[in-house]
Amino acid sequence: MNPNILKHQKPLRDIKKMVKSDDGVIYHGDNLEGLKLIPSNSVDLIYLDPPFFSGRNYSKGFLEEGNKQEFSDNWENLKDYLSFIKNRVEELHRVIKEDGALYFHCDWHASHYIKIILDNIFGYENFRNEICVKRIKKNVHERVKVKKLNVGYDVILFYAKSNKHSINPPMKKDIKPDRWHSFEASEIRNGMDYDLFGFKPKKGNHWRWSKERAMKSIKEGILRPNPRTGKPEYLIPASSKSLLDNNWEDITAYSFKFGYPTEKNEKLLDRIIKMSSKEGDVILDPFCGCGTTIASAFRKDRKFIGMDLSLSACELMQQRIGRIGIIKNSKLFSDRLQKVIIN
């Protein structure tokens, strides 16, 4: 047995519920041709993890010996790569609904060029966030001096199609006990500079609550003078979570569950799908690989469209989701899309 062949030669189906024909579709072929078959303004959310312009070849180690294949991230030049990306982003912009969003996963190799493409097509005003997602750490000190620092994160460029898109803000585990915090806040707000415990806010600041609410809070024991300074402070109750910003250090971008090269973490896709979609929405991944996006979408009762040029990748998607046909024919793909998008 080839030692490079990974354990998951036959990945187990990781979703218990049964898939139906109108739940989603897996398309095997060039995603540019497939995207042209999707109706305009029909997809709610797109996540894509295309080649990064890394100059590497990736082995698909989960395949049986003698049938091992690779996919390449080698390009003649940067211009060809960016043309490849641009052509597909134009189609992706067309198929997204007006209140939809796109999350483009990339890294340092070309993220700065990709953002310019996305700004030109989606509009700079529709750029929402550059999200940093932690990579698996490398902590091996091989030489005294090195050329550069290790890369600690991937980039996800988050765009909306218009100002109609809103997210469900993600939370992270962050256990904190009860604590007291200064009652003073920055900026001026009319009527919020009343006398309290013998103090007033500094010039340009204000109290956090109205006088009426402050008086009520004193009686409830959640607003008091600081025992040392006498200045107003309010009680923040104990909490187990806090609001997450665009630095996602609490999860990693990658996973090794199915042994697929560049496989993405299910927690990452779960978060994105929860943020920017609801049950019944259509989720598209045009570079679907081993199917993490569509598995997460299906598990959360979303419709899905997964595409990949590799048949082995599509077969792995099929094994993860359940008995759903892999479609190569344009006519069949269009027919199935109607069921997925309309139903």
Protein backbone atom coordinates (compact mmCIF):
# COMPACT_ATOMS: atom_id res chain seq x y z
CA MET A 1 0.00 0.00 0.00
CA ASN A 2 1.30 3.42 -0.90
CA PRO A 3 2.05 5.20 2.44
CA ASN A 4 0.83 8.51 1.00
CA ILE A 5 -2.72 7.20 0.59
CA LEU A 6 -4.79 8.56 3.45
CA LYS A 7 -7.15 6.65 5.68
CA HIS A 8 -10.33 8.07 4.20
CA GLN A 9 -10.28 6.23 0.88
CA LYS A 10 -14.03 5.80 1.29
CA PRO A 11 -15.26 8.79 3.31
CA LEU A 12 -18.34 8.06 5.36
CA ARG A 13 -21.48 10.06 4.76
CA ASP A 14 -21.45 12.71 7.50
CA ILE A 15 -25.09 13.84 7.29
CA LYS A 16 -27.92 11.74 8.68
CA LYS A 17 -30.93 13.18 6.83
CA MET A 18 -31.79 12.01 3.33
CA VAL A 19 -31.04 14.26 0.39
CA LYS A 20 -33.74 14.96 -2.23
CA SER A 21 -33.32 16.04 -5.84
CA ASP A 22 -34.50 19.58 -5.12
CA ASP A 23 -32.11 20.03 -2.15
CA GLY A 24 -29.15 20.72 -4.37
CA VAL A 25 -27.00 19.84 -7.35
CA ILE A 26 -23.40 18.75 -7.97
CA TYR A 27 -21.95 19.86 -11.30
CA HIS A 28 -18.85 18.23 -12.81
CA GLY A 29 -17.16 20.47 -15.33
CA ASP A 30 -15.69 23.88 -15.99
CA ASN A 31 -17.38 26.18 -13.49
CA LEU A 32 -17.33 29.09 -15.93
CA GLU A 33 -19.59 27.14 -18.29
CA GLY A 34 -21.72 25.98 -15.38
CA LEU A 35 -22.09 29.50 -13.98
CA LYS A 36 -23.40 30.75 -17.31
CA LEU A 37 -26.32 28.33 -16.94
CA ILE A 38 -27.41 29.73 -13.57
CA PRO A 39 -30.18 32.34 -13.83
CA SER A 40 -29.34 35.91 -12.83
CA ASN A 41 -30.20 37.04 -9.30
CA SER A 42 -30.94 33.52 -8.08
CA VAL A 43 -28.24 32.71 -5.48
CA ASP A 44 -28.28 34.02 -1.90
CA LEU A 45 -24.72 33.31 -0.81
CA ILE A 46 -21.46 32.38 -2.53
CA TYR A 47 -18.32 31.04 -0.90
CA LEU A 48 -15.37 30.26 -3.12
CA ASP A 49 -11.92 28.90 -2.45
CA PRO A 50 -10.23 29.03 -5.87
CA PRO A 51 -6.55 28.36 -6.61
CA PHE A 52 -4.34 30.83 -4.72
CA PHE A 53 -1.63 31.37 -7.39
CA SER A 54 0.63 29.35 -5.10
CA GLY A 55 2.64 27.63 -7.84
CA ARG A 56 2.03 24.22 -6.27
CA ASN A 57 0.63 20.87 -7.38
CA TYR A 58 -1.72 19.18 -4.91
CA SER A 59 -2.11 15.42 -4.58
CA LYS A 60 -5.54 13.93 -3.98
CA GLY A 61 -4.34 11.34 -1.51
CA PHE A 62 -7.74 9.84 -0.70
CA LEU A 63 -7.98 8.09 -4.09
CA GLU A 64 -7.23 4.43 -4.52
CA GLU A 65 -3.73 3.42 -5.49
CA GLY A 66 -3.19 3.57 -9.22
CA ASN A 67 -5.88 6.22 -9.61
CA LYS A 68 -4.16 9.02 -7.76
CA GLN A 69 -4.66 12.40 -9.38
CA GLU A 70 -3.49 15.92 -8.76
CA PHE A 71 -4.79 19.39 -9.34
CA SER A 72 -2.47 22.17 -10.25
CA ASP A 73 -2.14 25.74 -9.05
CA ASN A 74 0.59 26.53 -11.56
CA TRP A 75 0.06 29.37 -14.03
CA GLU A 76 1.97 30.77 -16.96
CA ASN A 77 1.85 34.21 -15.39
CA LEU A 78 -0.13 36.43 -13.06
CA LYS A 79 -2.08 37.98 -15.93
CA ASP A 80 -3.53 34.58 -16.93
CA TYR A 81 -4.46 33.82 -13.34
CA LEU A 82 -6.22 37.15 -12.82
CA SER A 83 -8.08 36.76 -16.11
CA PHE A 84 -9.28 33.34 -14.89
CA ILE A 85 -10.52 34.92 -11.65
CA LYS A 86 -12.11 37.97 -13.29
CA ASN A 87 -14.15 35.93 -15.78
CA ARG A 88 -15.67 33.90 -12.97
CA VAL A 89 -16.27 36.82 -10.60
CA GLU A 90 -18.27 38.57 -13.32
CA GLU A 91 -20.58 35.56 -13.53
CA LEU A 92 -20.76 35.25 -9.75
CA HIS A 93 -21.84 38.88 -9.47
CA ARG A 94 -24.56 38.26 -12.05
CA VAL A 95 -26.08 35.26 -10.27
CA ILE A 96 -26.16 36.74 -6.74
CA LYS A 97 -29.43 38.24 -5.56
CA GLU A 98 -29.54 41.94 -4.75
CA ASP A 99 -29.50 41.17 -1.02
CA GLY A 100 -26.88 38.43 -1.37
CA ALA A 101 -23.19 38.21 -0.49
CA LEU A 102 -19.90 36.69 -1.58
CA TYR A 103 -16.99 35.40 0.53
CA PHE A 104 -13.77 35.00 -1.48
CA HIS A 105 -11.11 32.87 0.24
CA CYS A 106 -7.52 33.63 -0.80
CA ASP A 107 -4.10 34.35 0.69
CA TRP A 108 -1.07 36.60 0.38
CA HIS A 109 -0.12 35.34 -3.08
CA ALA A 110 -2.77 37.40 -4.87
CA SER A 111 -5.28 38.82 -2.37
CA HIS A 112 -4.31 42.42 -3.12
CA TYR A 113 -4.92 41.89 -6.87
CA ILE A 114 -8.15 39.99 -6.25
CA LYS A 115 -9.54 42.80 -4.11
CA ILE A 116 -9.08 45.24 -6.99
CA ILE A 117 -11.04 42.89 -9.28
CA LEU A 118 -13.80 42.56 -6.69
CA ASP A 119 -13.89 46.33 -6.11
CA ASN A 120 -14.29 46.91 -9.85
CA ILE A 121 -17.08 44.36 -10.28
CA PHE A 122 -18.99 44.58 -6.99
CA GLY A 123 -18.16 48.23 -6.27
CA TYR A 124 -15.78 49.50 -3.62
CA GLU A 125 -18.77 50.64 -1.57
CA ASN A 126 -19.97 47.03 -1.29
CA PHE A 127 -16.76 45.77 0.31
CA ARG A 128 -17.66 44.77 3.87
CA ASN A 129 -14.66 43.09 5.51
CA GLU A 130 -11.25 41.56 5.06
CA ILE A 131 -11.53 38.55 7.39
CA CYS A 132 -8.34 36.96 8.71
CA VAL A 133 -8.59 33.23 9.45
CA LYS A 134 -5.87 31.44 11.34
CA ARG A 135 -3.77 28.87 9.48
CA ILE A 136 -2.23 25.78 11.09
CA LYS A 137 0.81 27.11 12.94
CA LYS A 138 4.33 26.18 11.92
CA ASN A 139 6.73 26.51 14.84
CA VAL A 140 9.89 24.87 13.53
CA HIS A 141 13.04 26.98 13.77
CA GLU A 142 15.18 25.40 11.03
CA ARG A 143 17.72 28.21 10.49
CA VAL A 144 19.27 31.02 12.50
CA LYS A 145 18.18 33.54 9.85
CA VAL A 146 15.26 33.28 7.43
CA LYS A 147 13.98 35.29 4.47
CA LYS A 148 10.53 36.10 5.91
CA LEU A 149 8.05 35.44 8.69
CA ASN A 150 5.75 32.42 8.65
CA VAL A 151 2.29 33.11 7.22
CA GLY A 152 -0.24 32.97 10.06
CA TYR A 153 -3.55 33.57 8.31
CA ASP A 154 -5.64 33.32 5.14
CA VAL A 155 -7.82 36.16 3.87
CA ILE A 156 -11.55 36.05 3.13
CA LEU A 157 -12.84 39.08 1.23
CA PHE A 158 -16.48 39.67 2.13
CA TYR A 159 -18.62 41.63 -0.36
CA ALA A 160 -22.32 42.35 -0.54
CA LYS A 161 -24.05 42.93 -3.85
CA SER A 162 -25.81 45.99 -2.44
CA ASN A 163 -26.55 47.72 0.86
CA LYS A 164 -29.53 45.37 1.32
CA HIS A 165 -27.39 42.61 2.83
CA SER A 166 -27.12 42.32 6.62
CA ILE A 167 -25.39 39.65 8.68
CA ASN A 168 -26.09 37.78 11.88
CA PRO A 169 -22.99 38.87 13.88
CA PRO A 170 -20.96 35.84 14.95
CA MET A 171 -20.02 35.27 18.59
CA LYS A 172 -17.00 33.61 20.16
CA LYS A 173 -16.53 31.81 23.46
CA ASP A 174 -15.29 34.37 25.95
CA ILE A 175 -16.08 33.62 29.61
CA LYS A 176 -16.12 36.70 31.81
CA PRO A 177 -17.43 37.17 35.39
CA ASP A 178 -19.58 40.08 36.59
CA ARG A 179 -17.57 43.30 36.28
CA TRP A 180 -18.02 47.04 36.80
CA HIS A 181 -17.30 49.52 34.02
CA SER A 182 -17.06 53.30 33.77
CA PHE A 183 -20.43 54.92 33.12
CA GLU A 184 -18.84 57.64 30.99
CA ALA A 185 -18.79 57.35 27.20
CA SER A 186 -17.20 59.41 24.43
CA GLU A 187 -18.98 62.01 22.24
CA ILE A 188 -21.71 64.49 23.13
CA ARG A 189 -25.38 63.50 23.50
CA ASN A 190 -27.92 66.12 24.49
CA GLY A 191 -29.40 65.68 27.96
CA MET A 192 -26.88 63.02 28.96
CA ASP A 193 -24.56 65.22 31.04
CA TYR A 194 -26.64 65.47 34.24
CA ASP A 195 -25.10 65.48 37.72
CA LEU A 196 -24.57 61.96 39.11
CA PHE A 197 -22.98 61.19 42.49
CA GLY A 198 -21.51 64.68 42.38
CA PHE A 199 -19.89 64.21 38.99
CA LYS A 200 -20.56 65.24 35.40
CA PRO A 201 -19.01 63.79 32.24
CA LYS A 202 -15.83 65.37 30.93
CA LYS A 203 -16.23 67.92 28.14
CA GLY A 204 -17.11 66.08 24.93
CA ASN A 205 -18.38 62.99 26.77
CA HIS A 206 -21.78 61.82 28.09
CA TRP A 207 -23.35 59.32 30.48
CA ARG A 208 -24.42 56.05 28.88
CA TRP A 209 -28.07 56.14 29.91
CA SER A 210 -30.80 58.72 30.37
CA LYS A 211 -31.28 60.22 33.84
CA GLU A 212 -34.52 58.29 34.30
CA ARG A 213 -32.86 54.98 33.52
CA ALA A 214 -29.87 55.86 35.70
CA MET A 215 -32.09 56.55 38.73
CA LYS A 216 -33.89 53.24 38.22
CA SER A 217 -30.58 51.39 37.86
CA ILE A 218 -29.29 52.83 41.14
CA LYS A 219 -32.32 51.34 42.93
CA GLU A 220 -31.69 48.01 41.17
CA GLY A 221 -28.07 47.97 42.31
CA ILE A 222 -26.53 47.97 38.84
CA LEU A 223 -25.28 51.58 38.93
CA ARG A 224 -23.12 52.81 41.79
CA PRO A 225 -20.28 55.16 42.74
CA ASN A 226 -16.88 53.51 42.42
CA PRO A 227 -15.78 52.48 45.96
CA ARG A 228 -12.41 54.19 45.47
CA THR A 229 -13.04 57.24 43.24
CA GLY A 230 -16.77 57.82 43.71
CA LYS A 231 -17.28 58.12 39.95
CA PRO A 232 -20.32 56.37 38.38
CA GLU A 233 -19.88 52.80 37.16
CA TYR A 234 -22.37 50.21 35.95
CA LEU A 235 -22.52 46.43 36.29
CA ILE A 236 -21.86 44.22 33.27
CA PRO A 237 -23.32 40.76 33.96
CA ALA A 238 -21.24 37.62 33.59
CA SER A 239 -21.09 36.35 30.01
CA SER A 240 -19.87 33.30 28.12
CA LYS A 241 -19.62 34.86 24.65
CA SER A 242 -18.53 38.10 23.05
CA LEU A 243 -18.96 39.67 19.63
CA LEU A 244 -16.43 38.47 17.07
CA ASP A 245 -14.59 40.96 14.87
CA ASN A 246 -12.85 40.24 11.54
CA ASN A 247 -9.87 38.51 13.19
CA TRP A 248 -10.98 34.86 13.44
CA GLU A 249 -8.34 33.39 15.69
CA ASP A 250 -10.75 31.05 17.43
CA ILE A 251 -10.92 28.62 14.48
CA THR A 252 -8.51 27.45 11.80
CA ALA A 253 -9.08 27.69 8.07
CA TYR A 254 -8.09 24.09 7.31
CA SER A 255 -9.13 20.55 8.18
CA PHE A 256 -7.85 17.02 7.57
CA LYS A 257 -11.09 15.09 8.08
CA PHE A 258 -11.25 13.68 4.54
CA GLY A 259 -7.61 13.95 3.53
CA TYR A 260 -8.42 16.32 0.68
CA PRO A 261 -5.70 18.88 -0.13
CA THR A 262 -6.67 22.46 0.87
CA GLU A 263 -9.74 21.03 2.69
CA LYS A 264 -11.52 23.75 4.65
CA ASN A 265 -12.75 23.57 8.22
CA GLU A 266 -16.46 22.83 8.63
CA LYS A 267 -16.61 25.36 11.47
CA LEU A 268 -15.47 28.07 9.06
CA LEU A 269 -18.27 27.34 6.57
CA ASP A 270 -20.81 26.92 9.36
CA ARG A 271 -19.98 30.41 10.56
CA ILE A 272 -20.19 32.05 7.13
CA ILE A 273 -23.46 30.33 6.27
CA LYS A 274 -25.02 31.31 9.62
CA MET A 275 -23.81 34.89 9.17
CA SER A 276 -25.13 35.56 5.70
CA SER A 277 -28.04 33.22 4.98
CA LYS A 278 -31.22 31.70 6.36
CA GLU A 279 -33.01 28.37 5.97
CA GLY A 280 -34.14 27.73 2.39
CA ASP A 281 -31.50 30.03 0.85
CA VAL A 282 -29.37 28.85 -2.10
CA ILE A 283 -25.64 28.50 -1.38
CA LEU A 284 -23.13 28.23 -4.24
CA ASP A 285 -19.52 27.05 -4.16
CA PRO A 286 -17.98 27.02 -7.67
CA PHE A 287 -14.69 25.47 -6.44
CA CYS A 288 -16.28 22.97 -4.11
CA GLY A 289 -13.44 20.47 -3.69
CA CYS A 290 -14.40 17.86 -1.12
CA GLY A 291 -17.78 19.50 -0.48
CA THR A 292 -17.43 21.19 2.91
CA THR A 293 -19.59 24.12 1.78
CA ILE A 294 -22.47 22.06 0.46
CA ALA A 295 -22.33 19.66 3.43
CA SER A 296 -22.62 22.59 5.83
CA ALA A 297 -25.38 24.17 3.73
CA PHE A 298 -27.41 20.95 3.58
CA ARG A 299 -26.97 20.33 7.30
CA LYS A 300 -28.39 23.79 7.98
CA ASP A 301 -31.39 23.34 5.68
CA ARG A 302 -30.08 25.49 2.84
CA LYS A 303 -30.17 24.57 -0.86
CA PHE A 304 -26.77 24.01 -2.47
CA ILE A 305 -24.92 24.17 -5.79
CA GLY A 306 -21.47 22.58 -5.79
CA MET A 307 -19.11 22.65 -8.78
CA ASP A 308 -15.72 21.16 -9.49
CA LEU A 309 -13.61 20.29 -12.52
CA SER A 310 -12.43 17.10 -10.82
CA LEU A 311 -14.65 14.03 -11.01
CA SER A 312 -13.01 12.56 -7.89
CA ALA A 313 -13.88 15.73 -5.96
CA CYS A 314 -17.50 15.48 -7.12
CA GLU A 315 -17.60 11.83 -6.08
CA LEU A 316 -16.38 12.78 -2.62
CA MET A 317 -19.09 15.47 -2.40
CA GLN A 318 -21.62 12.81 -3.36
CA GLN A 319 -20.40 10.48 -0.63
CA ARG A 320 -20.66 13.21 1.99
CA ILE A 321 -24.16 14.34 1.03
CA GLY A 322 -25.79 11.05 0.06
CA ARG A 323 -27.34 9.59 -3.07
CA ILE A 324 -27.50 12.56 -5.40
CA GLY A 325 -26.44 12.38 -9.03
CA ILE A 326 -23.35 14.11 -10.41
CA ILE A 327 -24.38 16.12 -13.46
CA LYS A 328 -22.11 16.76 -16.45
CA ASN A 329 -24.74 17.56 -19.08
CA SER A 330 -25.68 21.24 -19.51
CA LYS A 331 -29.35 20.52 -20.20
CA LEU A 332 -29.71 18.27 -17.14
CA PHE A 333 -27.89 20.85 -15.01
CA SER A 334 -30.26 23.61 -16.13
CA ASP A 335 -33.29 21.42 -15.42
CA ARG A 336 -32.04 20.55 -11.93
CA LEU A 337 -31.24 24.16 -11.19
CA GLN A 338 -34.85 25.07 -11.77
CA LYS A 339 -35.91 22.61 -9.07
CA VAL A 340 -33.27 23.83 -6.62
CA ILE A 341 -33.80 27.55 -7.16
CA ILE A 342 -37.59 27.67 -7.55
CA ASN A 343 -38.67 25.11 -4.92
